[in-house]
Amino acid sequence: MIDIGMMYAMAALPLAVESGSSTGLMIGVAVASFAVGAIVFSLIFRRKVAIDSNLAENARKEAEAIKAEAEKDANMIREKADLEAEKTRNRAAEQRIAAKEKFDNEVSERRRELQRAEERLTAKEDNVDKKMEQLESRVSDLDRRDKELRNRQEKLNNDQAALAAKAQQQLKELERIAGMSQEEARDILLARLEECLEQDRGTLIRRFQEENKQKLQADAQEIMVNAMQRYAGDCAYERTTSTIPLPNEDMKGRIIGREGRNIRTIEAATGVNVLIDDTPEAVVISCFDPVRREIARITMERLVADGRIHPARVEEMVNKVKKEVENEIQKAGQETVAQLGITRLRPNIINLIGRLKYRYSFSQNVLMHSIEVASMMGAIAASVGLDERKAKRAGLLHDIGKAVDHEVEGTHAAIGAELLKRAGEDEDIVNAVAAHHEEVEKTSLMAILVQICDTLSASRPGARSETTELYLKRLEQLEEIGNSFEGVENCYAIQAGRELRVIVQPEKISEDRAAVLAHDMAERIEKEMRYPGQVRVSVIRETRAVDFAK
């Protein structure tokens, strides 16, 4: 029991200390008192027991000692609790004082802030009052100015009304004097202004066109002259002739042979026609294939020189000459390609280039013409910033169709374009070959350049010569075509057949009709005639007024 009482006392003391208040302290004291009572009860109980065991006296003494000790402990606990409670009260008082000081400081600071805010509001109110006074002053000024402006506007309106009335009166007077209305006068003035502007616009356009034309012509002439100067090749004057000279008239009989077996063998082996007529000491070979005609010509010359003419000898000589010509064709194609620095051409295309050596157009050798066009194209392309190698390639291949145009149906431009397309050439080169005679639309500058250089090569003096008979016949045909149109008064073929000058009757052919007539004549010339270069059609319409002074 004593132990239990001590436990209660020890437990009550921290409780009283931790509570930090008088109530806790009182509770602690009560608990301690309860513990003391328990201890006393225990001692009494022990005393009774000691009486039974004759130890009552000792128990009482012990109980008194314990009681004294318990009271002493209780007093110590009470004093300690009082000290703790005092400390707690002191701390609480300090906290209350600190909180009060903090609160007082916050209240003072808040009062100062409110005072400053009130001062600012007072200053703002003063500023607002000043601004309101200024606004009121400005409003008064604006009202005054608005009143003045209204007065001026009213005066201006009156003046404008008066001026409008006077202007209307003057307009009516002008209409009466001029004899036309305002709308009619405006239309006349606008028409004259439009006419003047149109004339000025036409003058400016013509001036700019003339300036640009002169500049472009000068640049083009310089480029063309430089290109032609860099390639000053000789013109080919060879004729497409296959006349074989004979040593005597007896040779004609030997060529014909017994019952014509020799001449039949020659024609069958070479594919040509041998014409033997009254021409003294000469025979003529005719064939549309230039290579076969060349083989027949060489064969005939060697047979005549050898003197042994019979079917077996003819066949032997033809086979030998065929191999030589084929080798010469391949060699000519390779030399041409190497000369121009062109690479990556298929063998069949190189062979066709070599075949052009035996092809002529108006006595101009087609291979020499192609080399000339390629050289000029390279020079011009380098001057204008195009691909020089590609330009040379297009120039060399532009007439490739002439190597097989006697075997394939169609124009040489279309045939050549198809051959190059199958050979895998670039689209620009294929179009340039197909369009250099205006048969298809040009899609690149390369096509235009091919047409220019082809015309330059073909139209140079002496490049494509023709007989006087053919020349006169071509001029007569030109004039016949021109005179066949209605409204033509006179027609003249001038400049060696390169221009057709047509004089029309002005009462039958109008200005617009003259342009249509020139176009129709040009189309008919293209369809019905063959000619080198181009033919210019000039239609002249002239109105003359003649009178005599007597």
Protein backbone atom coordinates (compact mmCIF):
# COMPACT_ATOMS: atom_id res chain seq x y z
CA MET A 1 0.00 0.00 0.00
CA ILE A 2 2.87 2.34 0.79
CA ASP A 3 4.36 1.60 -2.54
CA ILE A 4 1.05 2.36 -4.20
CA GLY A 5 0.77 5.65 -2.34
CA MET A 6 4.26 6.62 -3.41
CA MET A 7 3.41 5.84 -6.96
CA TYR A 8 0.35 8.10 -6.80
CA ALA A 9 2.41 10.89 -5.29
CA MET A 10 5.12 10.65 -7.93
CA ALA A 11 2.53 10.59 -10.70
CA ALA A 12 0.71 13.62 -9.38
CA LEU A 13 3.79 15.81 -9.19
CA PRO A 14 4.60 15.91 -12.92
CA LEU A 15 0.92 16.39 -13.65
CA ALA A 16 0.84 19.43 -11.46
CA VAL A 17 4.04 20.79 -12.94
CA GLU A 18 3.04 20.22 -16.57
CA SER A 19 -0.39 21.77 -16.12
CA GLY A 20 1.24 25.13 -15.38
CA SER A 21 -1.88 26.43 -13.58
CA SER A 22 -3.28 26.70 -10.03
CA THR A 23 -5.95 24.13 -10.78
CA GLY A 24 -3.38 21.60 -11.76
CA LEU A 25 -1.41 22.39 -8.68
CA MET A 26 -4.43 21.84 -6.51
CA ILE A 27 -5.13 18.55 -8.22
CA GLY A 28 -1.54 17.52 -7.61
CA VAL A 29 -1.78 18.42 -3.92
CA ALA A 30 -5.02 16.51 -3.57
CA VAL A 31 -3.51 13.50 -5.19
CA ALA A 32 -0.51 13.79 -2.89
CA SER A 33 -2.80 14.05 0.13
CA PHE A 34 -4.67 11.01 -1.08
CA ALA A 35 -1.37 9.23 -1.31
CA VAL A 36 -0.47 10.27 2.21
CA GLY A 37 -3.82 8.98 3.46
CA ALA A 38 -3.21 5.73 1.72
CA ILE A 39 0.17 5.52 3.34
CA VAL A 40 -1.36 6.18 6.77
CA PHE A 41 -4.04 3.59 6.17
CA SER A 42 -1.34 1.17 5.28
CA LEU A 43 0.60 1.94 8.37
CA ILE A 44 -2.48 1.44 10.60
CA PHE A 45 -3.19 -1.81 8.87
CA ARG A 46 0.38 -2.88 9.48
CA ARG A 47 0.13 -1.83 13.13
CA LYS A 48 -2.85 -4.05 13.69
CA VAL A 49 -0.96 -6.85 12.19
CA ALA A 50 2.04 -6.03 14.36
CA ILE A 51 -0.13 -6.13 17.50
CA ASP A 52 -0.96 -9.63 16.62
CA SER A 53 2.66 -10.31 16.24
CA ASN A 54 3.73 -8.15 19.13
CA LEU A 55 5.32 -5.66 16.94
CA ALA A 56 2.72 -2.94 17.26
CA GLU A 57 5.07 -0.54 18.96
CA ASN A 58 7.65 -0.86 16.32
CA ALA A 59 5.01 -0.50 13.68
CA ARG A 60 3.74 2.66 15.24
CA LYS A 61 7.16 4.11 15.39
CA GLU A 62 7.77 3.05 11.88
CA ALA A 63 4.43 4.47 10.83
CA GLU A 64 5.22 7.76 12.50
CA ALA A 65 8.58 7.85 10.84
CA ILE A 66 7.00 7.02 7.55
CA LYS A 67 4.29 9.59 8.14
CA ALA A 68 6.87 12.22 8.95
CA GLU A 69 8.84 11.24 5.93
CA ALA A 70 5.67 11.30 3.80
CA GLU A 71 4.72 14.71 5.10
CA LYS A 72 8.19 15.90 4.40
CA ASP A 73 7.99 14.52 0.85
CA ALA A 74 4.54 16.01 0.44
CA ASN A 75 5.81 19.39 1.56
CA MET A 76 8.73 19.14 -0.86
CA ILE A 77 6.39 18.15 -3.65
CA ARG A 78 4.04 21.01 -2.71
CA GLU A 79 6.91 23.50 -2.67
CA LYS A 80 8.22 22.21 -5.99
CA ALA A 81 4.74 22.41 -7.47
CA ASP A 82 4.34 25.96 -6.13
CA LEU A 83 7.65 26.92 -7.73
CA GLU A 84 6.67 25.41 -11.07
CA ALA A 85 3.28 27.08 -10.93
CA GLU A 86 4.96 30.40 -10.18
CA LYS A 87 7.30 29.97 -13.09
CA THR A 88 4.38 29.07 -15.33
CA ARG A 89 2.47 32.15 -14.20
CA ASN A 90 5.51 34.31 -14.80
CA ARG A 91 5.98 32.89 -18.32
CA ALA A 92 2.29 33.41 -19.08
CA ALA A 93 2.51 36.99 -17.82
CA GLU A 94 5.58 37.61 -19.97
CA GLN A 95 3.82 36.13 -22.98
CA ARG A 96 0.79 38.33 -22.33
CA ILE A 97 3.02 41.37 -22.03
CA ALA A 98 4.89 40.48 -25.27
CA ALA A 99 1.63 39.83 -27.12
CA LYS A 100 0.24 43.12 -25.86
CA GLU A 101 3.34 44.99 -26.97
CA LYS A 102 3.19 43.29 -30.38
CA PHE A 103 -0.48 44.11 -30.71
CA ASP A 104 0.16 47.70 -29.71
CA ASN A 105 2.94 47.95 -32.26
CA GLU A 106 0.74 46.49 -35.02
CA VAL A 107 -2.06 48.85 -34.12
CA SER A 108 0.35 51.80 -34.19
CA GLU A 109 1.74 50.73 -37.57
CA ARG A 110 -1.74 50.24 -38.97
CA ARG A 111 -2.72 53.68 -37.71
CA ARG A 112 0.33 55.19 -39.38
CA GLU A 113 -0.51 53.40 -42.68
CA LEU A 114 -4.07 54.59 -42.49
CA GLN A 115 -2.84 58.08 -41.86
CA ARG A 116 -0.52 57.94 -44.86
CA ALA A 117 -3.32 56.52 -47.02
CA GLU A 118 -5.59 59.29 -45.87
CA GLU A 119 -2.94 61.85 -46.77
CA ARG A 120 -2.57 60.31 -50.25
CA LEU A 121 -6.31 60.29 -50.78
CA THR A 122 -6.44 63.89 -49.72
CA ALA A 123 -3.71 64.76 -52.26
CA LYS A 124 -5.54 62.84 -54.98
CA GLU A 125 -8.76 64.61 -54.20
CA ASP A 126 -6.93 67.90 -54.54
CA ASN A 127 -5.53 66.82 -57.91
CA VAL A 128 -8.94 65.64 -59.06
CA ASP A 129 -10.44 68.93 -58.06
CA LYS A 130 -7.76 70.78 -60.04
CA LYS A 131 -8.30 68.58 -63.09
CA MET A 132 -12.03 69.00 -62.89
CA GLU A 133 -11.54 72.76 -62.87
CA GLN A 134 -9.26 72.47 -65.91
CA LEU A 135 -11.79 70.21 -67.71
CA GLU A 136 -14.59 72.60 -66.97
CA SER A 137 -12.47 75.37 -68.40
CA ARG A 138 -11.70 73.34 -71.53
CA VAL A 139 -15.35 72.38 -71.96
CA SER A 140 -16.25 76.02 -71.80
CA ASP A 141 -13.60 76.79 -74.47
CA LEU A 142 -14.82 73.90 -76.65
CA ASP A 143 -18.40 75.08 -76.37
CA ARG A 144 -17.32 78.53 -77.38
CA ARG A 145 -15.28 77.21 -80.34
CA ASP A 146 -18.08 74.85 -81.38
CA LYS A 147 -20.45 77.75 -81.46
CA GLU A 148 -17.98 79.72 -83.57
CA LEU A 149 -17.49 76.75 -85.94
CA ARG A 150 -21.23 76.29 -86.34
CA ASN A 151 -21.51 79.92 -87.21
CA ARG A 152 -18.68 79.61 -89.76
CA GLN A 153 -20.17 76.39 -91.20
CA GLU A 154 -23.50 78.07 -91.60
CA LYS A 155 -21.82 80.95 -93.33
CA LEU A 156 -19.85 78.58 -95.58
CA ASN A 157 -22.99 76.66 -96.44
CA ASN A 158 -24.65 79.87 -97.43
CA ASP A 159 -21.63 80.89 -99.50
CA GLN A 160 -21.51 77.46 -101.15
CA ALA A 161 -25.17 77.60 -101.95
CA ALA A 162 -24.66 81.00 -103.49
CA LEU A 163 -21.64 79.77 -105.46
CA ALA A 164 -23.54 76.66 -106.62
CA ALA A 165 -26.37 78.83 -107.79
CA LYS A 166 -23.93 81.06 -109.66
CA ALA A 167 -22.10 78.00 -111.10
CA GLN A 168 -25.37 76.50 -112.24
CA GLN A 169 -26.32 79.77 -113.81
CA GLN A 170 -22.94 79.98 -115.55
CA LEU A 171 -23.23 76.32 -116.68
CA LYS A 172 -26.61 77.00 -118.20
CA GLU A 173 -25.20 80.06 -119.93
CA LEU A 174 -22.24 77.98 -121.24
CA GLU A 175 -24.58 75.24 -122.45
CA ARG A 176 -26.66 77.85 -124.23
CA ILE A 177 -23.56 79.38 -125.83
CA ALA A 178 -21.92 76.01 -126.75
CA GLY A 179 -25.13 74.41 -127.87
CA MET A 180 -24.45 71.14 -125.93
CA SER A 181 -25.20 69.71 -122.52
CA GLN A 182 -22.73 69.12 -119.69
CA GLU A 183 -22.74 65.34 -120.29
CA GLU A 184 -22.00 65.82 -123.99
CA ALA A 185 -19.12 68.17 -123.22
CA ARG A 186 -17.75 65.74 -120.62
CA ASP A 187 -17.92 62.85 -123.11
CA ILE A 188 -16.11 64.91 -125.76
CA LEU A 189 -13.44 65.98 -123.28
CA LEU A 190 -12.93 62.42 -122.02
CA ALA A 191 -12.76 61.09 -125.58
CA ARG A 192 -10.11 63.63 -126.51
CA LEU A 193 -8.19 62.92 -123.30
CA GLU A 194 -8.37 59.19 -123.95
CA GLU A 195 -7.17 59.71 -127.53
CA CYS A 196 -4.25 61.83 -126.34
CA LEU A 197 -3.34 59.28 -123.67
CA GLU A 198 -3.59 56.45 -126.18
CA GLN A 199 -1.28 58.28 -128.55
CA ASP A 200 1.18 58.97 -125.74
CA ARG A 201 1.01 55.34 -124.64
CA GLY A 202 1.58 54.14 -128.19
CA THR A 203 4.50 56.53 -128.56
CA LEU A 204 6.07 55.32 -125.33
CA ILE A 205 5.52 51.68 -126.25
CA ARG A 206 7.04 52.15 -129.69
CA ARG A 207 9.97 54.03 -128.22
CA PHE A 208 10.68 51.36 -125.63
CA GLN A 209 10.18 48.63 -128.20
CA GLU A 210 12.55 50.35 -130.59
CA GLU A 211 15.17 50.86 -127.89
CA ASN A 212 14.91 47.26 -126.71
CA LYS A 213 14.87 46.01 -130.29
CA GLN A 214 18.01 47.94 -131.16
CA LYS A 215 19.77 46.71 -128.02
CA LEU A 216 18.69 43.12 -128.55
CA GLN A 217 19.62 43.24 -132.24
CA ALA A 218 23.05 44.59 -131.36
CA ASP A 219 23.60 41.87 -128.76
CA ALA A 220 22.30 39.15 -131.08
CA GLN A 221 24.41 40.38 -133.97
CA GLU A 222 27.51 40.39 -131.80
CA ILE A 223 26.85 36.84 -130.60
CA MET A 224 26.09 35.59 -134.12
CA VAL A 225 29.12 37.28 -135.64
CA ASN A 226 31.38 35.88 -132.94
CA ALA A 227 29.95 32.40 -133.43
CA MET A 228 30.33 32.51 -137.24
CA GLN A 229 33.78 34.04 -136.93
CA ARG A 230 34.92 31.21 -134.66
CA TYR A 231 33.67 28.67 -137.19
CA ALA A 232 34.73 29.79 -140.66
CA GLY A 233 34.31 26.45 -142.44
CA ASP A 234 34.28 26.12 -146.19
CA CYS A 235 30.97 25.70 -147.97
CA ALA A 236 30.32 22.44 -149.80
CA TYR A 237 29.74 22.98 -153.51
CA GLU A 238 29.47 19.31 -154.45
CA ARG A 239 26.40 18.37 -156.41
CA THR A 240 24.40 15.26 -155.78
CA THR A 241 25.63 13.78 -159.05
CA SER A 242 26.47 10.21 -159.94
CA THR A 243 27.77 10.62 -163.47
CA ILE A 244 30.48 8.08 -164.34
CA PRO A 245 32.92 9.13 -167.13
CA LEU A 246 33.82 6.41 -169.65
CA PRO A 247 37.06 6.10 -171.66
CA ASN A 248 35.15 5.41 -174.88
CA GLU A 249 31.72 4.60 -176.25
CA ASP A 250 32.50 0.88 -176.48
CA MET A 251 32.49 0.72 -172.71
CA LYS A 252 28.72 1.25 -172.68
CA GLY A 253 28.24 -2.06 -174.51
CA ARG A 254 30.51 -3.88 -172.12
CA ILE A 255 28.57 -2.42 -169.17
CA ILE A 256 25.30 -3.63 -170.68
CA GLY A 257 26.74 -7.05 -171.50
CA ARG A 258 25.26 -9.85 -173.55
CA GLU A 259 21.46 -9.52 -173.47
CA GLY A 260 21.90 -6.98 -170.65
CA ARG A 261 23.13 -9.45 -168.03
CA ASN A 262 25.93 -7.18 -166.76
CA ILE A 263 23.73 -4.12 -166.19
CA ARG A 264 21.02 -6.25 -164.54
CA THR A 265 23.62 -7.77 -162.22
CA ILE A 266 24.92 -4.32 -161.31
CA GLU A 267 21.42 -3.00 -160.59
CA ALA A 268 20.43 -6.09 -158.59
CA ALA A 269 23.62 -6.13 -156.49
CA THR A 270 23.67 -2.39 -155.70
CA GLY A 271 19.96 -1.48 -155.78
CA VAL A 272 20.41 1.45 -158.18
CA ASN A 273 19.27 2.33 -161.68
CA VAL A 274 21.98 2.61 -164.33
CA LEU A 275 20.92 5.07 -167.05
CA ILE A 276 22.70 4.76 -170.36
CA ASP A 277 21.51 7.40 -172.84
CA ASP A 278 22.93 9.47 -175.66
CA THR A 279 25.30 11.36 -173.38
CA PRO A 280 28.73 10.77 -174.88
CA GLU A 281 31.20 8.76 -172.81
CA ALA A 282 29.15 8.85 -169.61
CA VAL A 283 26.57 6.82 -167.69
CA VAL A 284 24.29 8.06 -164.90
CA ILE A 285 23.51 6.24 -161.66
CA SER A 286 20.15 7.04 -160.04
CA CYS A 287 19.08 6.00 -156.55
CA PHE A 288 17.26 7.64 -153.64
CA ASP A 289 19.63 5.97 -151.12
CA PRO A 290 22.88 7.99 -151.06
CA VAL A 291 24.93 5.12 -149.60
CA ARG A 292 23.83 2.64 -152.24
CA ARG A 293 24.43 5.26 -154.91
CA GLU A 294 27.96 5.77 -153.55
CA ILE A 295 28.61 2.01 -153.54
CA ALA A 296 27.36 1.76 -157.12
CA ARG A 297 29.49 4.74 -158.18
CA ILE A 298 32.72 3.33 -156.72
CA THR A 299 31.93 -0.14 -158.11
CA MET A 300 31.29 1.25 -161.59
CA GLU A 301 34.48 3.33 -161.59
CA ARG A 302 36.59 0.33 -160.56
CA LEU A 303 34.95 -1.97 -163.09
CA VAL A 304 35.55 0.56 -165.86
CA ALA A 305 39.16 1.01 -164.76
CA ASP A 306 39.72 -2.78 -164.56
CA GLY A 307 37.97 -3.58 -167.83
CA ARG A 308 36.76 -6.99 -166.67
CA ILE A 309 32.99 -6.69 -166.47
CA HIS A 310 30.95 -9.85 -165.94
CA PRO A 311 28.41 -10.97 -163.30
CA ALA A 312 30.87 -12.78 -161.02
CA ARG A 313 33.31 -9.86 -161.11
CA VAL A 314 30.46 -7.42 -160.43
CA GLU A 315 29.27 -9.30 -157.33
CA GLU A 316 32.82 -9.62 -156.01
CA MET A 317 33.50 -5.90 -156.51
CA VAL A 318 30.17 -4.87 -154.92
CA ASN A 319 30.83 -6.91 -151.76
CA LYS A 320 34.30 -5.45 -151.43
CA VAL A 321 33.10 -1.88 -151.93
CA LYS A 322 30.25 -2.37 -149.43
CA LYS A 323 32.73 -3.29 -146.69
CA GLU A 324 34.91 -0.31 -147.55
CA VAL A 325 31.97 2.11 -147.48
CA GLU A 326 30.68 0.72 -144.20
CA ASN A 327 34.13 1.15 -142.67
CA GLU A 328 34.29 4.67 -144.07
CA ILE A 329 30.87 5.47 -142.59
CA GLN A 330 31.91 4.22 -139.14
CA LYS A 331 35.20 6.08 -139.36
CA ALA A 332 33.50 9.33 -140.42
CA GLY A 333 31.03 9.10 -137.52
CA GLN A 334 33.75 8.44 -134.95
CA GLU A 335 35.97 11.22 -136.26
CA THR A 336 33.07 13.68 -136.17
CA VAL A 337 32.16 12.78 -132.59
CA ALA A 338 35.79 13.03 -131.49
CA GLN A 339 36.24 16.36 -133.29
CA LEU A 340 33.31 17.93 -131.41
CA GLY A 341 34.12 16.27 -128.08
CA ILE A 342 30.76 14.49 -127.81
CA THR A 343 30.60 11.33 -125.70
CA ARG A 344 28.15 8.59 -124.72
CA LEU A 345 26.56 8.10 -128.14
CA ARG A 346 25.22 4.71 -129.12
CA PRO A 347 26.98 2.88 -131.98
CA ASN A 348 23.90 2.99 -134.22
CA ILE A 349 23.70 6.79 -133.80
CA ILE A 350 27.41 7.14 -134.66
CA ASN A 351 26.79 5.00 -137.76
CA LEU A 352 23.92 7.26 -138.81
CA ILE A 353 26.15 10.32 -138.35
CA GLY A 354 28.69 8.74 -140.70
CA ARG A 355 25.97 8.02 -143.30
CA LEU A 356 25.28 11.78 -143.47
CA LYS A 357 28.62 12.10 -145.27
CA TYR A 358 26.89 10.82 -148.43
CA ARG A 359 23.71 12.87 -147.94
CA TYR A 360 23.29 16.29 -149.59
CA SER A 361 20.64 18.99 -149.24
CA PHE A 362 20.62 21.56 -152.05
CA SER A 363 24.23 20.58 -152.78
CA GLN A 364 25.21 21.17 -149.12
CA ASN A 365 26.76 18.14 -147.47
CA VAL A 366 24.57 17.26 -144.49
CA LEU A 367 27.45 16.00 -142.33
CA MET A 368 29.43 19.21 -142.88
CA HIS A 369 26.25 21.19 -142.25
CA SER A 370 25.67 19.33 -138.94
CA ILE A 371 29.26 19.93 -137.82
CA GLU A 372 28.90 23.61 -138.67
CA VAL A 373 25.62 23.91 -136.74
CA ALA A 374 27.14 22.11 -133.73
CA SER A 375 30.18 24.42 -133.71
CA MET A 376 28.08 27.58 -133.92
CA MET A 377 25.71 26.31 -131.23
CA GLY A 378 28.61 25.65 -128.89
CA ALA A 379 29.95 29.17 -129.41
CA ILE A 380 26.56 30.83 -128.93
CA ALA A 381 25.69 28.67 -125.92
CA ALA A 382 28.94 29.66 -124.24
CA SER A 383 28.09 33.34 -124.88
CA VAL A 384 24.55 33.21 -123.48
CA GLY A 385 25.26 30.92 -120.53
CA LEU A 386 23.81 27.61 -121.78
CA ASP A 387 25.37 24.14 -121.60
CA GLU A 388 28.00 24.15 -124.37
CA ARG A 389 28.37 20.36 -124.61
CA LYS A 390 24.63 19.83 -124.71
CA ALA A 391 24.28 22.52 -127.39
CA LYS A 392 26.93 20.85 -129.58
CA ARG A 393 25.19 17.51 -129.15
CA ALA A 394 21.83 18.94 -130.25
CA GLY A 395 23.43 20.73 -133.22
CA LEU A 396 25.18 17.59 -134.47
CA LEU A 397 22.06 15.42 -134.13
CA HIS A 398 19.46 17.87 -135.46
CA ASP A 399 19.47 16.38 -139.01
CA ILE A 400 20.11 12.75 -138.00
CA GLY A 401 16.75 11.80 -139.54
CA LYS A 402 18.09 12.58 -143.03
CA ALA A 403 20.26 9.46 -142.82
CA VAL A 404 17.15 7.25 -143.02
CA ASP A 405 14.39 9.53 -144.34
CA HIS A 406 14.44 7.56 -147.63
CA GLU A 407 13.62 4.39 -145.68
CA VAL A 408 11.14 5.66 -143.08
CA GLU A 409 7.98 7.60 -143.79
CA GLY A 410 7.79 11.08 -142.30
CA THR A 411 9.80 14.30 -142.08
CA HIS A 412 13.46 14.11 -141.16
CA ALA A 413 12.81 16.16 -137.97
CA ALA A 414 10.16 13.73 -136.69
CA ILE A 415 12.23 10.68 -137.71
CA GLY A 416 15.33 12.05 -136.01
CA ALA A 417 13.43 12.88 -132.79
CA GLU A 418 12.02 9.34 -132.64
CA LEU A 419 15.48 7.79 -133.19
CA LEU A 420 17.01 9.92 -130.42
CA LYS A 421 14.12 9.18 -128.06
CA ARG A 422 14.68 5.45 -128.51
CA ALA A 423 18.41 6.00 -127.96
CA GLY A 424 17.71 7.56 -124.55
CA GLU A 425 18.69 11.16 -125.32
CA ASP A 426 17.57 14.03 -123.08
CA GLU A 427 14.10 15.44 -123.56
CA ASP A 428 15.50 18.89 -124.42
CA ILE A 429 17.59 17.49 -127.29
CA VAL A 430 14.68 15.39 -128.61
CA ASN A 431 12.41 18.45 -128.61
CA ALA A 432 15.10 20.60 -130.25
CA VAL A 433 15.44 18.09 -133.12
CA ALA A 434 11.66 17.70 -133.53
CA ALA A 435 10.95 21.48 -133.42
CA HIS A 436 13.76 22.95 -135.54
CA HIS A 437 11.36 23.18 -138.53
CA GLU A 438 8.35 24.39 -136.49
CA GLU A 439 6.66 20.97 -136.67
CA VAL A 440 6.14 20.81 -132.90
CA GLU A 441 6.15 23.42 -130.17
CA LYS A 442 9.52 24.42 -128.68
CA THR A 443 9.86 23.75 -124.96
CA SER A 444 13.38 25.06 -124.29
CA LEU A 445 15.96 27.62 -125.35
CA MET A 446 17.96 24.77 -126.89
CA ALA A 447 15.26 24.24 -129.54
CA ILE A 448 15.30 27.93 -130.47
CA LEU A 449 19.10 27.89 -130.69
CA VAL A 450 19.04 24.85 -133.02
CA GLN A 451 16.63 26.61 -135.36
CA ILE A 452 18.76 29.77 -135.40
CA CYS A 453 22.04 27.97 -136.13
CA ASP A 454 20.40 25.73 -138.74
CA THR A 455 19.13 28.82 -140.56
CA LEU A 456 22.53 30.52 -140.29
CA SER A 457 24.35 27.53 -141.77
CA ALA A 458 21.83 27.03 -144.57
CA SER A 459 21.46 30.69 -145.56
CA ARG A 460 25.14 31.64 -145.80
CA PRO A 461 26.07 32.69 -149.36
CA GLY A 462 27.04 29.63 -151.36
CA ALA A 463 26.02 27.15 -148.69
CA ARG A 464 23.15 25.74 -150.72
CA SER A 465 23.53 26.49 -154.37
CA GLU A 466 21.05 25.52 -157.04
CA THR A 467 20.90 25.69 -160.79
CA THR A 468 19.66 28.77 -162.59
CA GLU A 469 16.70 26.82 -163.93
CA LEU A 470 15.57 25.75 -160.46
CA TYR A 471 16.18 29.26 -159.13
CA LEU A 472 14.02 30.91 -161.80
CA LYS A 473 11.35 28.27 -161.39
CA ARG A 474 11.20 28.94 -157.66
CA LEU A 475 10.83 32.70 -158.22
CA GLU A 476 8.04 32.12 -160.76
CA GLN A 477 6.23 29.82 -158.34
CA LEU A 478 6.46 32.41 -155.58
CA GLU A 479 4.92 35.09 -157.79
CA GLU A 480 2.21 32.71 -158.97
CA ILE A 481 1.19 31.95 -155.40
CA GLY A 482 1.09 35.66 -154.55
CA ASN A 483 -0.99 36.60 -157.64
CA SER A 484 -3.50 33.81 -156.98
CA PHE A 485 -5.03 35.67 -154.03
CA GLU A 486 -7.93 38.07 -154.58
CA GLY A 487 -7.20 41.78 -154.17
CA VAL A 488 -3.50 41.51 -155.17
CA GLU A 489 -2.44 44.21 -157.62
CA ASN A 490 1.24 43.30 -158.13
CA CYS A 491 3.58 40.68 -156.74
CA TYR A 492 7.40 40.59 -156.86
CA ALA A 493 9.90 37.93 -155.71
CA ILE A 494 13.01 39.82 -154.55
CA GLN A 495 16.24 39.20 -152.60
CA ALA A 496 16.99 35.98 -154.47
CA GLY A 497 13.60 34.55 -153.61
CA ARG A 498 13.86 35.19 -149.88
CA GLU A 499 11.13 37.87 -149.87
CA LEU A 500 7.76 38.08 -151.60
CA ARG A 501 6.58 41.69 -151.82
CA VAL A 502 2.84 41.98 -152.48
CA ILE A 503 1.02 45.20 -153.36
CA VAL A 504 -2.74 45.01 -152.74
CA GLN A 505 -5.70 47.16 -153.79
CA PRO A 506 -6.63 49.35 -150.77
CA GLU A 507 -10.32 49.48 -151.63
CA LYS A 508 -10.54 45.66 -151.46
CA ILE A 509 -8.04 44.80 -148.75
CA SER A 510 -8.31 46.50 -145.33
CA GLU A 511 -5.54 46.91 -142.75
CA ASP A 512 -6.67 43.87 -140.81
CA ARG A 513 -7.23 41.86 -143.96
CA ALA A 514 -3.65 42.63 -145.07
CA ALA A 515 -2.23 40.83 -142.03
CA VAL A 516 -4.48 37.82 -142.68
CA LEU A 517 -3.44 37.79 -146.34
CA ALA A 518 0.26 37.71 -145.43
CA HIS A 519 -0.33 34.80 -143.04
CA ASP A 520 -2.31 32.81 -145.65
CA MET A 521 0.38 33.34 -148.31
CA ALA A 522 3.12 32.20 -145.92
CA GLU A 523 1.18 29.02 -145.06
CA ARG A 524 0.62 28.20 -148.73
CA ILE A 525 4.29 28.74 -149.58
CA GLU A 526 5.29 26.38 -146.76
CA LYS A 527 2.96 23.66 -148.04
CA GLU A 528 3.64 23.90 -151.81
CA MET A 529 7.33 24.86 -152.11
CA ARG A 530 10.79 23.66 -151.10
CA TYR A 531 13.35 26.37 -150.39
CA PRO A 532 16.41 26.98 -148.21
CA GLY A 533 16.08 29.21 -145.15
CA GLN A 534 12.87 31.23 -144.99
CA VAL A 535 10.73 33.45 -147.24
CA ARG A 536 9.45 36.77 -145.95
CA VAL A 537 5.98 37.85 -147.15
CA SER A 538 5.44 41.65 -147.13
CA VAL A 539 1.95 42.94 -147.92
CA ILE A 540 1.86 46.65 -148.83
CA ARG A 541 -1.40 48.61 -148.73
CA GLU A 542 -1.12 52.21 -149.88
CA THR A 543 -3.77 54.85 -150.51
CA ARG A 544 -2.80 57.74 -152.77
CA ALA A 545 -4.77 60.94 -153.41
CA VAL A 546 -3.75 62.73 -156.66
CA ASP A 547 -4.95 66.06 -158.00
CA PHE A 548 -3.67 68.56 -160.55
CA ALA A 549 -3.33 72.33 -160.33
CA LYS A 550 -4.29 74.03 -163.56
